[in-house]
Amino acid sequence: MQRWRRHCWKAAKKALFRPLPLEVVRRRVARAARLGLAYRRYELLVLGGGEIEAMLFAGDTLVVAAPYASAASGLDALAIRKLAAVTGCRRLLLTGPDGLKAVWTRPDDLNAVFEAAIRVPSPRLLSATPAKADRVALVAGLRSRALPAGSVALIGSGAHGPAWVTAARLAGFVPASEYFGN
């Protein structure tokens, strides 16, 4: 029984991670770089066959994750450059009911970097499991921008980030520490 399971696992893995033509790999590496992602992370996000059309950044991650942001200074210049360098997809901001007005001192940073904000009822975002109202608001926000949920990657921190991905059926979750490199 053990051998059979090992055989099945190896066969499934081989079928999933089949060798790709060099030109396809080069295109995907370039696409991952334009999105600011590592190639392996990008491959995991598009594994289901879809393409990443938007990156959804959790607002509380941007405010709390030093050294990139603080309530006193807004986004760090390095983070602004990294976010502004993302090309070929839409950049969206996920915020709580009050947006980021209470903690964000430089709103021009937000307007320069993000196309739009999607507000959900939960003020704690990825630090709590999403309620039904959060899922409904997130899906409605994506739908109003003509974005299929399966083409959106969520970037943030918090133990419940993957739960938000599952609840809204997003493409995947990228930890902010991996994305911003801190």
C-alpha atoms as a PDB file:
ATOM      1  CA  MET A   1       0.000   0.000   0.000  1.00  0.00           C
ATOM      2  CA  GLN A   2       2.805   2.405   0.894  1.00  0.00           C
ATOM      3  CA  ARG A   3       4.564   1.796  -2.443  1.00  0.00           C
ATOM      4  CA  TRP A   4       1.366   2.381  -4.360  1.00  0.00           C
ATOM      5  CA  ARG A   5       0.773   5.717  -2.634  1.00  0.00           C
ATOM      6  CA  ARG A   6       4.351   6.778  -3.319  1.00  0.00           C
ATOM      7  CA  HIS A   7       3.954   5.796  -6.985  1.00  0.00           C
ATOM      8  CA  CYS A   8       0.687   7.755  -7.273  1.00  0.00           C
ATOM      9  CA  TRP A   9       2.207  10.800  -5.598  1.00  0.00           C
ATOM     10  CA  LYS A  10       5.253  10.760  -7.891  1.00  0.00           C
ATOM     11  CA  ALA A  11       3.068  10.353 -10.988  1.00  0.00           C
ATOM     12  CA  ALA A  12       0.794  13.218  -9.945  1.00  0.00           C
ATOM     13  CA  LYS A  13       3.751  15.463  -9.142  1.00  0.00           C
ATOM     14  CA  LYS A  14       5.413  14.647 -12.457  1.00  0.00           C
ATOM     15  CA  ALA A  15       2.214  15.438 -14.352  1.00  0.00           C
ATOM     16  CA  LEU A  16       1.728  18.693 -12.450  1.00  0.00           C
ATOM     17  CA  PHE A  17       5.279  19.988 -12.745  1.00  0.00           C
ATOM     18  CA  ARG A  18       5.975  18.852 -16.281  1.00  0.00           C
ATOM     19  CA  PRO A  19       8.977  20.351 -18.055  1.00  0.00           C
ATOM     20  CA  LEU A  20       8.058  23.476 -19.970  1.00  0.00           C
ATOM     21  CA  PRO A  21       9.603  24.779 -23.187  1.00  0.00           C
ATOM     22  CA  LEU A  22      12.405  27.256 -22.532  1.00  0.00           C
ATOM     23  CA  GLU A  23      10.539  30.117 -24.195  1.00  0.00           C
ATOM     24  CA  VAL A  24       7.525  29.592 -21.905  1.00  0.00           C
ATOM     25  CA  VAL A  25       9.782  29.612 -18.849  1.00  0.00           C
ATOM     26  CA  ARG A  26      11.460  32.828 -20.035  1.00  0.00           C
ATOM     27  CA  ARG A  27       8.071  34.504 -20.522  1.00  0.00           C
ATOM     28  CA  ARG A  28       6.914  33.415 -17.078  1.00  0.00           C
ATOM     29  CA  VAL A  29      10.132  34.563 -15.403  1.00  0.00           C
ATOM     30  CA  ALA A  30       9.741  37.981 -17.042  1.00  0.00           C
ATOM     31  CA  ARG A  31       6.074  38.149 -15.999  1.00  0.00           C
ATOM     32  CA  ALA A  32       6.940  37.218 -12.417  1.00  0.00           C
ATOM     33  CA  ALA A  33       9.564  39.975 -12.342  1.00  0.00           C
ATOM     34  CA  ARG A  34       7.042  42.544 -13.625  1.00  0.00           C
ATOM     35  CA  LEU A  35       4.715  41.562 -10.786  1.00  0.00           C
ATOM     36  CA  GLY A  36       7.495  41.718  -8.193  1.00  0.00           C
ATOM     37  CA  LEU A  37       7.201  38.005  -7.401  1.00  0.00           C
ATOM     38  CA  ALA A  38       9.686  35.180  -7.228  1.00  0.00           C
ATOM     39  CA  TYR A  39       9.267  32.750 -10.136  1.00  0.00           C
ATOM     40  CA  ARG A  40       8.292  29.814  -7.896  1.00  0.00           C
ATOM     41  CA  ARG A  41       5.615  31.871  -6.125  1.00  0.00           C
ATOM     42  CA  TYR A  42       4.273  33.047  -9.472  1.00  0.00           C
ATOM     43  CA  GLU A  43       4.111  29.442 -10.706  1.00  0.00           C
ATOM     44  CA  LEU A  44       2.117  28.449  -7.634  1.00  0.00           C
ATOM     45  CA  LEU A  45      -0.330  31.303  -8.188  1.00  0.00           C
ATOM     46  CA  VAL A  46      -1.001  30.428 -11.827  1.00  0.00           C
ATOM     47  CA  LEU A  47      -0.933  26.672 -11.298  1.00  0.00           C
ATOM     48  CA  GLY A  48      -4.665  26.449 -11.779  1.00  0.00           C
ATOM     49  CA  GLY A  49      -4.257  27.731 -15.319  1.00  0.00           C
ATOM     50  CA  GLY A  50      -5.249  31.342 -14.725  1.00  0.00           C
ATOM     51  CA  GLU A  51      -3.256  34.513 -15.085  1.00  0.00           C
ATOM     52  CA  ILE A  52      -2.782  37.155 -12.393  1.00  0.00           C
ATOM     53  CA  GLU A  53      -4.779  40.230 -13.442  1.00  0.00           C
ATOM     54  CA  ALA A  54      -4.591  42.097 -10.119  1.00  0.00           C
ATOM     55  CA  MET A  55      -2.630  42.245  -6.895  1.00  0.00           C
ATOM     56  CA  LEU A  56      -4.675  42.998  -3.760  1.00  0.00           C
ATOM     57  CA  PHE A  57      -2.577  44.447  -0.923  1.00  0.00           C
ATOM     58  CA  ALA A  58      -3.964  44.291   2.617  1.00  0.00           C
ATOM     59  CA  GLY A  59      -3.886  47.828   3.955  1.00  0.00           C
ATOM     60  CA  ASP A  60      -3.091  46.922   7.548  1.00  0.00           C
ATOM     61  CA  THR A  61       0.017  45.122   6.328  1.00  0.00           C
ATOM     62  CA  LEU A  62       1.265  48.258   4.635  1.00  0.00           C
ATOM     63  CA  VAL A  63       0.681  50.348   7.746  1.00  0.00           C
ATOM     64  CA  VAL A  64       2.173  47.952  10.286  1.00  0.00           C
ATOM     65  CA  ALA A  65       5.003  46.260   8.377  1.00  0.00           C
ATOM     66  CA  ALA A  66       8.163  48.167   9.269  1.00  0.00           C
ATOM     67  CA  PRO A  67      10.422  49.393   7.783  1.00  0.00           C
ATOM     68  CA  TYR A  68       8.119  49.985   4.845  1.00  0.00           C
ATOM     69  CA  ALA A  69       5.398  51.885   6.623  1.00  0.00           C
ATOM     70  CA  SER A  70       4.448  53.551   9.831  1.00  0.00           C
ATOM     71  CA  ALA A  71       1.579  55.734  10.905  1.00  0.00           C
ATOM     72  CA  ALA A  72       3.947  58.670  11.163  1.00  0.00           C
ATOM     73  CA  SER A  73       5.630  58.457   7.779  1.00  0.00           C
ATOM     74  CA  GLY A  74       3.315  56.626   5.399  1.00  0.00           C
ATOM     75  CA  LEU A  75       4.848  54.220   2.935  1.00  0.00           C
ATOM     76  CA  ASP A  76       8.606  53.921   2.769  1.00  0.00           C
ATOM     77  CA  ALA A  77      10.196  55.070  -0.503  1.00  0.00           C
ATOM     78  CA  LEU A  78      11.460  51.539  -1.242  1.00  0.00           C
ATOM     79  CA  ALA A  79       7.966  50.088  -0.895  1.00  0.00           C
ATOM     80  CA  ILE A  80       6.499  52.833  -3.074  1.00  0.00           C
ATOM     81  CA  ARG A  81       9.085  52.064  -5.765  1.00  0.00           C
ATOM     82  CA  LYS A  82       8.408  48.331  -5.530  1.00  0.00           C
ATOM     83  CA  LEU A  83       4.645  48.842  -5.800  1.00  0.00           C
ATOM     84  CA  ALA A  84       4.938  51.419  -8.587  1.00  0.00           C
ATOM     85  CA  ALA A  85       7.193  49.051 -10.548  1.00  0.00           C
ATOM     86  CA  VAL A  86       4.440  46.420 -10.735  1.00  0.00           C
ATOM     87  CA  THR A  87       3.297  46.368 -14.350  1.00  0.00           C
ATOM     88  CA  GLY A  88       0.906  44.301 -16.366  1.00  0.00           C
ATOM     89  CA  CYS A  89      -1.715  44.018 -13.646  1.00  0.00           C
ATOM     90  CA  ARG A  90      -3.933  46.187 -11.504  1.00  0.00           C
ATOM     91  CA  ARG A  91      -2.888  47.208  -7.974  1.00  0.00           C
ATOM     92  CA  LEU A  92      -5.723  47.247  -5.459  1.00  0.00           C
ATOM     93  CA  LEU A  93      -5.850  48.022  -1.755  1.00  0.00           C
ATOM     94  CA  LEU A  94      -7.920  46.024   0.746  1.00  0.00           C
ATOM     95  CA  THR A  95      -9.073  48.201   3.643  1.00  0.00           C
ATOM     96  CA  GLY A  96     -11.368  48.023   6.634  1.00  0.00           C
ATOM     97  CA  PRO A  97     -14.556  50.069   7.065  1.00  0.00           C
ATOM     98  CA  ASP A  98     -12.721  53.348   7.804  1.00  0.00           C
ATOM     99  CA  GLY A  99     -10.169  52.921   5.069  1.00  0.00           C
ATOM    100  CA  LEU A 100      -6.742  54.008   6.200  1.00  0.00           C
ATOM    101  CA  LYS A 101      -7.618  57.593   7.088  1.00  0.00           C
ATOM    102  CA  ALA A 102      -7.125  57.068  10.803  1.00  0.00           C
ATOM    103  CA  VAL A 103      -3.533  55.853  10.482  1.00  0.00           C
ATOM    104  CA  TRP A 104      -2.356  57.026   7.068  1.00  0.00           C
ATOM    105  CA  THR A 105      -0.758  60.455   7.142  1.00  0.00           C
ATOM    106  CA  ARG A 106       0.194  60.706   3.465  1.00  0.00           C
ATOM    107  CA  PRO A 107      -2.863  59.757   1.360  1.00  0.00           C
ATOM    108  CA  ASP A 108      -1.017  60.851  -1.799  1.00  0.00           C
ATOM    109  CA  ASP A 109       1.068  57.674  -1.427  1.00  0.00           C
ATOM    110  CA  LEU A 110      -2.085  55.614  -1.808  1.00  0.00           C
ATOM    111  CA  ASN A 111      -3.365  57.500  -4.843  1.00  0.00           C
ATOM    112  CA  ALA A 112      -0.008  57.281  -6.597  1.00  0.00           C
ATOM    113  CA  VAL A 113       0.362  53.534  -6.090  1.00  0.00           C
ATOM    114  CA  PHE A 114      -3.114  51.978  -6.022  1.00  0.00           C
ATOM    115  CA  GLU A 115      -5.811  52.050  -8.666  1.00  0.00           C
ATOM    116  CA  ALA A 116      -8.642  51.572  -6.187  1.00  0.00           C
ATOM    117  CA  ALA A 117      -9.527  50.438  -2.686  1.00  0.00           C
ATOM    118  CA  ILE A 118     -11.920  47.663  -1.747  1.00  0.00           C
ATOM    119  CA  ARG A 119     -13.531  48.134   1.664  1.00  0.00           C
ATOM    120  CA  VAL A 120     -14.713  45.261   3.798  1.00  0.00           C
ATOM    121  CA  PRO A 121     -16.596  45.423   7.139  1.00  0.00           C
ATOM    122  CA  SER A 122     -13.857  43.787   9.229  1.00  0.00           C
ATOM    123  CA  PRO A 123     -11.446  46.303  10.770  1.00  0.00           C
ATOM    124  CA  ARG A 124      -8.837  43.596  11.510  1.00  0.00           C
ATOM    125  CA  LEU A 125      -8.481  42.260   7.948  1.00  0.00           C
ATOM    126  CA  LEU A 126      -6.089  39.313   7.740  1.00  0.00           C
ATOM    127  CA  SER A 127      -5.578  39.028  11.494  1.00  0.00           C
ATOM    128  CA  ALA A 128      -9.057  37.486  11.785  1.00  0.00           C
ATOM    129  CA  THR A 129     -11.024  34.969   9.792  1.00  0.00           C
ATOM    130  CA  PRO A 130     -13.280  36.615   7.210  1.00  0.00           C
ATOM    131  CA  ALA A 131     -16.946  36.912   8.045  1.00  0.00           C
ATOM    132  CA  LYS A 132     -19.569  36.312   5.387  1.00  0.00           C
ATOM    133  CA  ALA A 133     -19.992  40.079   5.005  1.00  0.00           C
ATOM    134  CA  ASP A 134     -16.238  40.415   4.332  1.00  0.00           C
ATOM    135  CA  ARG A 135     -16.375  37.776   1.608  1.00  0.00           C
ATOM    136  CA  VAL A 136     -19.445  39.338   0.018  1.00  0.00           C
ATOM    137  CA  ALA A 137     -17.888  42.835   0.050  1.00  0.00           C
ATOM    138  CA  LEU A 138     -14.581  41.573  -1.362  1.00  0.00           C
ATOM    139  CA  VAL A 139     -16.201  39.576  -4.161  1.00  0.00           C
ATOM    140  CA  ALA A 140     -18.540  42.486  -4.986  1.00  0.00           C
ATOM    141  CA  GLY A 141     -15.586  44.892  -5.085  1.00  0.00           C
ATOM    142  CA  LEU A 142     -13.719  42.647  -7.497  1.00  0.00           C
ATOM    143  CA  ARG A 143     -16.818  42.068  -9.623  1.00  0.00           C
ATOM    144  CA  SER A 144     -17.452  45.826  -9.887  1.00  0.00           C
ATOM    145  CA  ARG A 145     -13.975  46.139 -11.384  1.00  0.00           C
ATOM    146  CA  ALA A 146     -14.628  43.241 -13.802  1.00  0.00           C
ATOM    147  CA  LEU A 147     -12.017  41.044 -12.119  1.00  0.00           C
ATOM    148  CA  PRO A 148     -12.583  37.324 -11.642  1.00  0.00           C
ATOM    149  CA  ALA A 149     -11.599  36.405  -8.091  1.00  0.00           C
ATOM    150  CA  GLY A 150      -9.414  33.558  -9.361  1.00  0.00           C
ATOM    151  CA  SER A 151      -7.150  36.061 -11.103  1.00  0.00           C
ATOM    152  CA  VAL A 152      -6.344  38.113  -7.980  1.00  0.00           C
ATOM    153  CA  ALA A 153      -3.397  37.461  -5.667  1.00  0.00           C
ATOM    154  CA  LEU A 154      -3.648  38.648  -2.044  1.00  0.00           C
ATOM    155  CA  ILE A 155      -0.515  40.112  -0.438  1.00  0.00           C
ATOM    156  CA  GLY A 156      -0.518  40.619   3.300  1.00  0.00           C
ATOM    157  CA  SER A 157       0.425  39.347   6.703  1.00  0.00           C
ATOM    158  CA  GLY A 158      -1.618  37.657   9.330  1.00  0.00           C
ATOM    159  CA  ALA A 159      -2.409  34.097  10.162  1.00  0.00           C
ATOM    160  CA  HIS A 160      -5.757  34.211   8.390  1.00  0.00           C
ATOM    161  CA  GLY A 161      -4.581  35.359   4.942  1.00  0.00           C
ATOM    162  CA  PRO A 162      -5.088  31.897   3.406  1.00  0.00           C
ATOM    163  CA  ALA A 163      -8.605  31.800   4.896  1.00  0.00           C
ATOM    164  CA  TRP A 164      -9.433  35.019   3.035  1.00  0.00           C
ATOM    165  CA  VAL A 165      -8.105  33.462  -0.182  1.00  0.00           C
ATOM    166  CA  THR A 166     -10.278  30.397   0.320  1.00  0.00           C
ATOM    167  CA  ALA A 167     -13.383  32.389   1.291  1.00  0.00           C
ATOM    168  CA  ALA A 168     -13.227  34.653  -1.776  1.00  0.00           C
ATOM    169  CA  ARG A 169     -11.696  32.010  -4.088  1.00  0.00           C
ATOM    170  CA  LEU A 170      -8.689  34.176  -4.921  1.00  0.00           C
ATOM    171  CA  ALA A 171      -5.675  32.904  -6.875  1.00  0.00           C
ATOM    172  CA  GLY A 172      -3.449  32.682  -3.829  1.00  0.00           C
ATOM    173  CA  PHE A 173      -1.724  34.345  -0.895  1.00  0.00           C
ATOM    174  CA  VAL A 174       1.743  35.893  -0.806  1.00  0.00           C
ATOM    175  CA  PRO A 175       3.163  36.785   2.627  1.00  0.00           C
ATOM    176  CA  ALA A 176       4.127  40.455   2.821  1.00  0.00           C
ATOM    177  CA  SER A 177       7.492  39.525   4.303  1.00  0.00           C
ATOM    178  CA  GLU A 178       8.248  37.512   1.163  1.00  0.00           C
ATOM    179  CA  TYR A 179       6.923  40.145  -1.219  1.00  0.00           C
ATOM    180  CA  PHE A 180       8.647  43.134   0.375  1.00  0.00           C
ATOM    181  CA  GLY A 181      11.676  41.152   1.508  1.00  0.00           C
ATOM    182  CA  ASN A 182      11.763  42.187   5.182  1.00  0.00           C
END
